[in-house]
Amino acid sequence: MPFLKDDKPFIEMERLLRGYGLIGSRLARVLGKCEATARSKLQCPGSITLFDLARICRDGHIPADEIREAIKFQ
């Protein structure tokens, strides 16, 4: 049986958030939401809104250029 590559959409955004340590409770504090919501947004980065991206940039201290690059490859 041939190997089928399973590409997750928005994998670069997930890698960016995890690379800066924004997982679980820390992402919840940055977004101002409960931890369950933050974890669900991390599992499905396509559900992150522009407002969330602005807060991640401002409060999570991730440069806007890096966020743009992560989104650009989608």
PDB file of N, CA and C in Angstrom:
ATOM      1  N   MET A   1       0.841  -1.166   0.000  1.00  0.00           N
ATOM      2  CA  MET A   1       0.000   0.000   0.000  1.00  0.00           C
ATOM      3  C   MET A   1       0.893   1.238   0.000  1.00  0.00           C
ATOM      4  N   PRO A   2       0.638   2.200  -0.878  1.00  0.00           N
ATOM      5  CA  PRO A   2       1.495   3.382  -0.954  1.00  0.00           C
ATOM      6  C   PRO A   2       1.287   4.309   0.238  1.00  0.00           C
ATOM      7  N   PHE A   3       2.328   5.041   0.543  1.00  0.00           N
ATOM      8  CA  PHE A   3       2.277   6.012   1.630  1.00  0.00           C
ATOM      9  C   PHE A   3       1.567   7.271   1.140  1.00  0.00           C
ATOM     10  N   LEU A   4       0.567   7.706   1.867  1.00  0.00           N
ATOM     11  CA  LEU A   4      -0.148   8.933   1.535  1.00  0.00           C
ATOM     12  C   LEU A   4       0.194   9.985   2.577  1.00  0.00           C
ATOM     13  N   LYS A   5       0.735  11.062   2.120  1.00  0.00           N
ATOM     14  CA  LYS A   5       1.108  12.132   3.026  1.00  0.00           C
ATOM     15  C   LYS A   5      -0.157  12.852   3.481  1.00  0.00           C
ATOM     16  N   ASP A   6      -0.321  12.967   4.781  1.00  0.00           N
ATOM     17  CA  ASP A   6      -1.497  13.624   5.345  1.00  0.00           C
ATOM     18  C   ASP A   6      -1.103  15.040   5.751  1.00  0.00           C
ATOM     19  N   ASP A   7      -1.412  16.001   4.903  1.00  0.00           N
ATOM     20  CA  ASP A   7      -1.074  17.393   5.192  1.00  0.00           C
ATOM     21  C   ASP A   7      -2.158  18.024   6.045  1.00  0.00           C
ATOM     22  N   LYS A   8      -1.758  18.481   7.225  1.00  0.00           N
ATOM     23  CA  LYS A   8      -2.698  19.212   8.056  1.00  0.00           C
ATOM     24  C   LYS A   8      -2.710  20.660   7.566  1.00  0.00           C
ATOM     25  N   PRO A   9      -3.889  21.227   7.421  1.00  0.00           N
ATOM     26  CA  PRO A   9      -3.921  22.634   7.031  1.00  0.00           C
ATOM     27  C   PRO A   9      -3.414  23.508   8.183  1.00  0.00           C
ATOM     28  N   PHE A  10      -2.734  24.572   7.832  1.00  0.00           N
ATOM     29  CA  PHE A  10      -2.209  25.547   8.793  1.00  0.00           C
ATOM     30  C   PHE A  10      -1.184  24.951   9.751  1.00  0.00           C
ATOM     31  N   ILE A  11      -0.432  23.953   9.304  1.00  0.00           N
ATOM     32  CA  ILE A  11       0.571  23.331  10.150  1.00  0.00           C
ATOM     33  C   ILE A  11       1.677  24.321  10.530  1.00  0.00           C
ATOM     34  N   GLU A  12       1.988  25.265   9.646  1.00  0.00           N
ATOM     35  CA  GLU A  12       3.030  26.248   9.939  1.00  0.00           C
ATOM     36  C   GLU A  12       2.620  27.154  11.103  1.00  0.00           C
ATOM     37  N   MET A  13       1.344  27.496  11.173  1.00  0.00           N
ATOM     38  CA  MET A  13       0.864  28.338  12.273  1.00  0.00           C
ATOM     39  C   MET A  13       0.945  27.577  13.593  1.00  0.00           C
ATOM     40  N   GLU A  14       0.594  26.311  13.562  1.00  0.00           N
ATOM     41  CA  GLU A  14       0.692  25.490  14.768  1.00  0.00           C
ATOM     42  C   GLU A  14       2.151  25.375  15.218  1.00  0.00           C
ATOM     43  N   ARG A  15       3.053  25.173  14.278  1.00  0.00           N
ATOM     44  CA  ARG A  15       4.477  25.083  14.616  1.00  0.00           C
ATOM     45  C   ARG A  15       5.006  26.392  15.189  1.00  0.00           C
ATOM     46  N   LEU A  16       4.537  27.513  14.642  1.00  0.00           N
ATOM     47  CA  LEU A  16       4.966  28.819  15.133  1.00  0.00           C
ATOM     48  C   LEU A  16       4.529  29.007  16.582  1.00  0.00           C
ATOM     49  N   LEU A  17       3.279  28.720  16.881  1.00  0.00           N
ATOM     50  CA  LEU A  17       2.766  28.889  18.245  1.00  0.00           C
ATOM     51  C   LEU A  17       3.491  27.969  19.217  1.00  0.00           C
ATOM     52  N   ARG A  18       3.693  26.730  18.811  1.00  0.00           N
ATOM     53  CA  ARG A  18       4.396  25.790  19.688  1.00  0.00           C
ATOM     54  C   ARG A  18       5.864  26.190  19.854  1.00  0.00           C
ATOM     55  N   GLY A  19       6.461  26.738  18.820  1.00  0.00           N
ATOM     56  CA  GLY A  19       7.856  27.164  18.890  1.00  0.00           C
ATOM     57  C   GLY A  19       8.071  28.294  19.884  1.00  0.00           C
ATOM     58  N   TYR A  20       7.089  29.154  20.023  1.00  0.00           N
ATOM     59  CA  TYR A  20       7.172  30.248  20.988  1.00  0.00           C
ATOM     60  C   TYR A  20       6.610  29.849  22.346  1.00  0.00           C
ATOM     61  N   GLY A  21       6.228  28.596  22.501  1.00  0.00           N
ATOM     62  CA  GLY A  21       5.751  28.108  23.790  1.00  0.00           C
ATOM     63  C   GLY A  21       4.323  28.501  24.115  1.00  0.00           C
ATOM     64  N   LEU A  22       3.557  28.894  23.118  1.00  0.00           N
ATOM     65  CA  LEU A  22       2.167  29.272  23.355  1.00  0.00           C
ATOM     66  C   LEU A  22       1.287  28.034  23.234  1.00  0.00           C
ATOM     67  N   ILE A  23       1.276  27.247  24.288  1.00  0.00           N
ATOM     68  CA  ILE A  23       0.441  26.047  24.309  1.00  0.00           C
ATOM     69  C   ILE A  23      -0.371  26.058  25.600  1.00  0.00           C
ATOM     70  N   GLY A  24      -1.559  25.536  25.533  1.00  0.00           N
ATOM     71  CA  GLY A  24      -2.400  25.350  26.708  1.00  0.00           C
ATOM     72  C   GLY A  24      -2.702  26.618  27.468  1.00  0.00           C
ATOM     73  N   SER A  25      -2.294  26.638  28.724  1.00  0.00           N
ATOM     74  CA  SER A  25      -2.660  27.745  29.610  1.00  0.00           C
ATOM     75  C   SER A  25      -2.011  29.066  29.202  1.00  0.00           C
ATOM     76  N   ARG A  26      -0.820  29.004  28.653  1.00  0.00           N
ATOM     77  CA  ARG A  26      -0.155  30.245  28.242  1.00  0.00           C
ATOM     78  C   ARG A  26      -0.880  30.888  27.058  1.00  0.00           C
ATOM     79  N   LEU A  27      -1.308  30.083  26.098  1.00  0.00           N
ATOM     80  CA  LEU A  27      -2.085  30.594  24.975  1.00  0.00           C
ATOM     81  C   LEU A  27      -3.429  31.122  25.467  1.00  0.00           C
ATOM     82  N   ALA A  28      -4.022  30.458  26.451  1.00  0.00           N
ATOM     83  CA  ALA A  28      -5.297  30.915  27.012  1.00  0.00           C
ATOM     84  C   ALA A  28      -5.159  32.291  27.634  1.00  0.00           C
ATOM     85  N   ARG A  29      -4.071  32.532  28.350  1.00  0.00           N
ATOM     86  CA  ARG A  29      -3.846  33.865  28.945  1.00  0.00           C
ATOM     87  C   ARG A  29      -3.669  34.927  27.877  1.00  0.00           C
ATOM     88  N   VAL A  30      -2.944  34.593  26.822  1.00  0.00           N
ATOM     89  CA  VAL A  30      -2.712  35.555  25.743  1.00  0.00           C
ATOM     90  C   VAL A  30      -4.026  35.899  25.036  1.00  0.00           C
ATOM     91  N   LEU A  31      -4.854  34.880  24.782  1.00  0.00           N
ATOM     92  CA  LEU A  31      -6.103  35.100  24.062  1.00  0.00           C
ATOM     93  C   LEU A  31      -7.208  35.630  24.961  1.00  0.00           C
ATOM     94  N   GLY A  32      -7.069  35.483  26.272  1.00  0.00           N
ATOM     95  CA  GLY A  32      -8.112  35.904  27.195  1.00  0.00           C
ATOM     96  C   GLY A  32      -9.310  34.977  27.168  1.00  0.00           C
ATOM     97  N   LYS A  33      -9.056  33.692  26.926  1.00  0.00           N
ATOM     98  CA  LYS A  33     -10.118  32.688  26.846  1.00  0.00           C
ATOM     99  C   LYS A  33      -9.781  31.542  27.788  1.00  0.00           C
ATOM    100  N   CYS A  34     -10.716  30.610  27.933  1.00  0.00           N
ATOM    101  CA  CYS A  34     -10.455  29.456  28.797  1.00  0.00           C
ATOM    102  C   CYS A  34      -9.446  28.519  28.119  1.00  0.00           C
ATOM    103  N   GLU A  35      -8.885  27.639  28.934  1.00  0.00           N
ATOM    104  CA  GLU A  35      -7.839  26.760  28.419  1.00  0.00           C
ATOM    105  C   GLU A  35      -8.365  25.775  27.388  1.00  0.00           C
ATOM    106  N   ALA A  36      -9.608  25.318  27.552  1.00  0.00           N
ATOM    107  CA  ALA A  36     -10.187  24.372  26.590  1.00  0.00           C
ATOM    108  C   ALA A  36     -10.326  25.024  25.212  1.00  0.00           C
ATOM    109  N   THR A  37     -10.725  26.279  25.172  1.00  0.00           N
ATOM    110  CA  THR A  37     -10.848  26.998  23.905  1.00  0.00           C
ATOM    111  C   THR A  37      -9.484  27.199  23.263  1.00  0.00           C
ATOM    112  N   ALA A  38      -8.496  27.533  24.081  1.00  0.00           N
ATOM    113  CA  ALA A  38      -7.145  27.734  23.555  1.00  0.00           C
ATOM    114  C   ALA A  38      -6.590  26.440  22.974  1.00  0.00           C
ATOM    115  N   ARG A  39      -6.833  25.320  23.640  1.00  0.00           N
ATOM    116  CA  ARG A  39      -6.352  24.036  23.134  1.00  0.00           C
ATOM    117  C   ARG A  39      -7.046  23.657  21.825  1.00  0.00           C
ATOM    118  N   SER A  40      -8.336  23.967  21.722  1.00  0.00           N
ATOM    119  CA  SER A  40      -9.048  23.641  20.484  1.00  0.00           C
ATOM    120  C   SER A  40      -8.561  24.509  19.334  1.00  0.00           C
ATOM    121  N   LYS A  41      -8.224  25.778  19.622  1.00  0.00           N
ATOM    122  CA  LYS A  41      -7.673  26.647  18.577  1.00  0.00           C
ATOM    123  C   LYS A  41      -6.282  26.191  18.165  1.00  0.00           C
ATOM    124  N   LEU A  42      -5.535  25.622  19.091  1.00  0.00           N
ATOM    125  CA  LEU A  42      -4.206  25.113  18.755  1.00  0.00           C
ATOM    126  C   LEU A  42      -4.310  23.847  17.915  1.00  0.00           C
ATOM    127  N   GLN A  43      -5.296  23.003  18.186  1.00  0.00           N
ATOM    128  CA  GLN A  43      -5.476  21.791  17.399  1.00  0.00           C
ATOM    129  C   GLN A  43      -5.996  22.089  15.999  1.00  0.00           C
ATOM    130  N   CYS A  44      -6.761  23.163  15.863  1.00  0.00           N
ATOM    131  CA  CYS A  44      -7.302  23.565  14.565  1.00  0.00           C
ATOM    132  C   CYS A  44      -6.968  25.050  14.351  1.00  0.00           C
ATOM    133  N   PRO A  45      -5.743  25.379  13.944  1.00  0.00           N
ATOM    134  CA  PRO A  45      -5.328  26.766  13.811  1.00  0.00           C
ATOM    135  C   PRO A  45      -6.136  27.558  12.787  1.00  0.00           C
ATOM    136  N   GLY A  46      -6.907  26.887  11.945  1.00  0.00           N
ATOM    137  CA  GLY A  46      -7.750  27.599  10.995  1.00  0.00           C
ATOM    138  C   GLY A  46      -8.871  28.361  11.671  1.00  0.00           C
ATOM    139  N   SER A  47      -9.150  28.037  12.924  1.00  0.00           N
ATOM    140  CA  SER A  47     -10.220  28.721  13.652  1.00  0.00           C
ATOM    141  C   SER A  47      -9.737  29.965  14.385  1.00  0.00           C
ATOM    142  N   ILE A  48      -8.465  30.283  14.277  1.00  0.00           N
ATOM    143  CA  ILE A  48      -7.932  31.480  14.919  1.00  0.00           C
ATOM    144  C   ILE A  48      -8.378  32.700  14.115  1.00  0.00           C
ATOM    145  N   THR A  49      -8.994  33.648  14.787  1.00  0.00           N
ATOM    146  CA  THR A  49      -9.513  34.849  14.123  1.00  0.00           C
ATOM    147  C   THR A  49      -8.432  35.917  14.008  1.00  0.00           C
ATOM    148  N   LEU A  50      -8.733  36.958  13.263  1.00  0.00           N
ATOM    149  CA  LEU A  50      -7.793  38.077  13.135  1.00  0.00           C
ATOM    150  C   LEU A  50      -7.589  38.771  14.475  1.00  0.00           C
ATOM    151  N   PHE A  51      -8.647  38.846  15.270  1.00  0.00           N
ATOM    152  CA  PHE A  51      -8.527  39.434  16.601  1.00  0.00           C
ATOM    153  C   PHE A  51      -7.570  38.611  17.456  1.00  0.00           C
ATOM    154  N   ASP A  52      -7.672  37.272  17.345  1.00  0.00           N
ATOM    155  CA  ASP A  52      -6.755  36.392  18.079  1.00  0.00           C
ATOM    156  C   ASP A  52      -5.318  36.586  17.608  1.00  0.00           C
ATOM    157  N   LEU A  53      -5.133  36.726  16.297  1.00  0.00           N
ATOM    158  CA  LEU A  53      -3.779  36.948  15.766  1.00  0.00           C
ATOM    159  C   LEU A  53      -3.193  38.256  16.272  1.00  0.00           C
ATOM    160  N   ALA A  54      -4.018  39.280  16.376  1.00  0.00           N
ATOM    161  CA  ALA A  54      -3.538  40.569  16.894  1.00  0.00           C
ATOM    162  C   ALA A  54      -3.104  40.426  18.350  1.00  0.00           C
ATOM    163  N   ARG A  55      -3.863  39.682  19.124  1.00  0.00           N
ATOM    164  CA  ARG A  55      -3.499  39.482  20.531  1.00  0.00           C
ATOM    165  C   ARG A  55      -2.251  38.617  20.657  1.00  0.00           C
ATOM    166  N   ILE A  56      -2.113  37.629  19.789  1.00  0.00           N
ATOM    167  CA  ILE A  56      -0.912  36.783  19.806  1.00  0.00           C
ATOM    168  C   ILE A  56       0.314  37.626  19.473  1.00  0.00           C
ATOM    169  N   CYS A  57       0.160  38.520  18.522  1.00  0.00           N
ATOM    170  CA  CYS A  57       1.266  39.401  18.135  1.00  0.00           C
ATOM    171  C   CYS A  57       1.623  40.350  19.279  1.00  0.00           C
ATOM    172  N   ARG A  58       0.607  40.974  19.861  1.00  0.00           N
ATOM    173  CA  ARG A  58       0.836  41.984  20.895  1.00  0.00           C
ATOM    174  C   ARG A  58       1.218  41.367  22.236  1.00  0.00           C
ATOM    175  N   ASP A  59       0.411  40.430  22.735  1.00  0.00           N
ATOM    176  CA  ASP A  59       0.617  39.888  24.074  1.00  0.00           C
ATOM    177  C   ASP A  59       1.498  38.639  24.092  1.00  0.00           C
ATOM    178  N   GLY A  60       1.549  37.919  22.969  1.00  0.00           N
ATOM    179  CA  GLY A  60       2.385  36.720  22.890  1.00  0.00           C
ATOM    180  C   GLY A  60       3.792  37.016  22.420  1.00  0.00           C
ATOM    181  N   HIS A  61       4.014  38.275  22.016  1.00  0.00           N
ATOM    182  CA  HIS A  61       5.341  38.744  21.586  1.00  0.00           C
ATOM    183  C   HIS A  61       5.902  37.953  20.410  1.00  0.00           C
ATOM    184  N   ILE A  62       5.031  37.678  19.437  1.00  0.00           N
ATOM    185  CA  ILE A  62       5.469  37.059  18.191  1.00  0.00           C
ATOM    186  C   ILE A  62       5.438  38.147  17.124  1.00  0.00           C
ATOM    187  N   PRO A  63       6.534  38.388  16.427  1.00  0.00           N
ATOM    188  CA  PRO A  63       6.551  39.429  15.399  1.00  0.00           C
ATOM    189  C   PRO A  63       5.516  39.175  14.304  1.00  0.00           C
ATOM    190  N   ALA A  64       4.898  40.252  13.850  1.00  0.00           N
ATOM    191  CA  ALA A  64       3.863  40.153  12.823  1.00  0.00           C
ATOM    192  C   ALA A  64       4.410  39.547  11.535  1.00  0.00           C
ATOM    193  N   ASP A  65       5.664  39.806  11.228  1.00  0.00           N
ATOM    194  CA  ASP A  65       6.269  39.248  10.012  1.00  0.00           C
ATOM    195  C   ASP A  65       6.298  37.716  10.056  1.00  0.00           C
ATOM    196  N   GLU A  66       6.585  37.161  11.230  1.00  0.00           N
ATOM    197  CA  GLU A  66       6.615  35.701  11.346  1.00  0.00           C
ATOM    198  C   GLU A  66       5.212  35.113  11.217  1.00  0.00           C
ATOM    199  N   ILE A  67       4.213  35.812  11.732  1.00  0.00           N
ATOM    200  CA  ILE A  67       2.830  35.343  11.590  1.00  0.00           C
ATOM    201  C   ILE A  67       2.430  35.385  10.124  1.00  0.00           C
ATOM    202  N   ARG A  68       2.787  36.462   9.431  1.00  0.00           N
ATOM    203  CA  ARG A  68       2.483  36.558   7.997  1.00  0.00           C
ATOM    204  C   ARG A  68       3.127  35.437   7.210  1.00  0.00           C
ATOM    205  N   GLU A  69       4.377  35.127   7.513  1.00  0.00           N
ATOM    206  CA  GLU A  69       5.073  34.050   6.821  1.00  0.00           C
ATOM    207  C   GLU A  69       4.414  32.698   7.064  1.00  0.00           C
ATOM    208  N   ALA A  70       3.948  32.474   8.284  1.00  0.00           N
ATOM    209  CA  ALA A  70       3.289  31.197   8.603  1.00  0.00           C
ATOM    210  C   ALA A  70       1.966  31.076   7.843  1.00  0.00           C
ATOM    211  N   ILE A  71       1.285  32.184   7.650  1.00  0.00           N
ATOM    212  CA  ILE A  71       0.009  32.161   6.941  1.00  0.00           C
ATOM    213  C   ILE A  71       0.224  32.132   5.437  1.00  0.00           C
ATOM    214  N   LYS A  72       1.294  32.734   4.961  1.00  0.00           N
ATOM    215  CA  LYS A  72       1.571  32.863   3.542  1.00  0.00           C
ATOM    216  C   LYS A  72       1.661  31.512   2.821  1.00  0.00           C
ATOM    217  N   PHE A  73       2.194  30.510   3.493  1.00  0.00           N
ATOM    218  CA  PHE A  73       2.417  29.218   2.866  1.00  0.00           C
ATOM    219  C   PHE A  73       1.154  28.377   2.756  1.00  0.00           C
ATOM    220  N   GLN A  74       0.045  28.862   3.265  1.00  0.00           N
ATOM    221  CA  GLN A  74      -1.184  28.076   3.210  1.00  0.00           C
ATOM    222  C   GLN A  74      -1.711  28.162   1.847  1.00  0.00           C
TER     223      GLN A  74
END
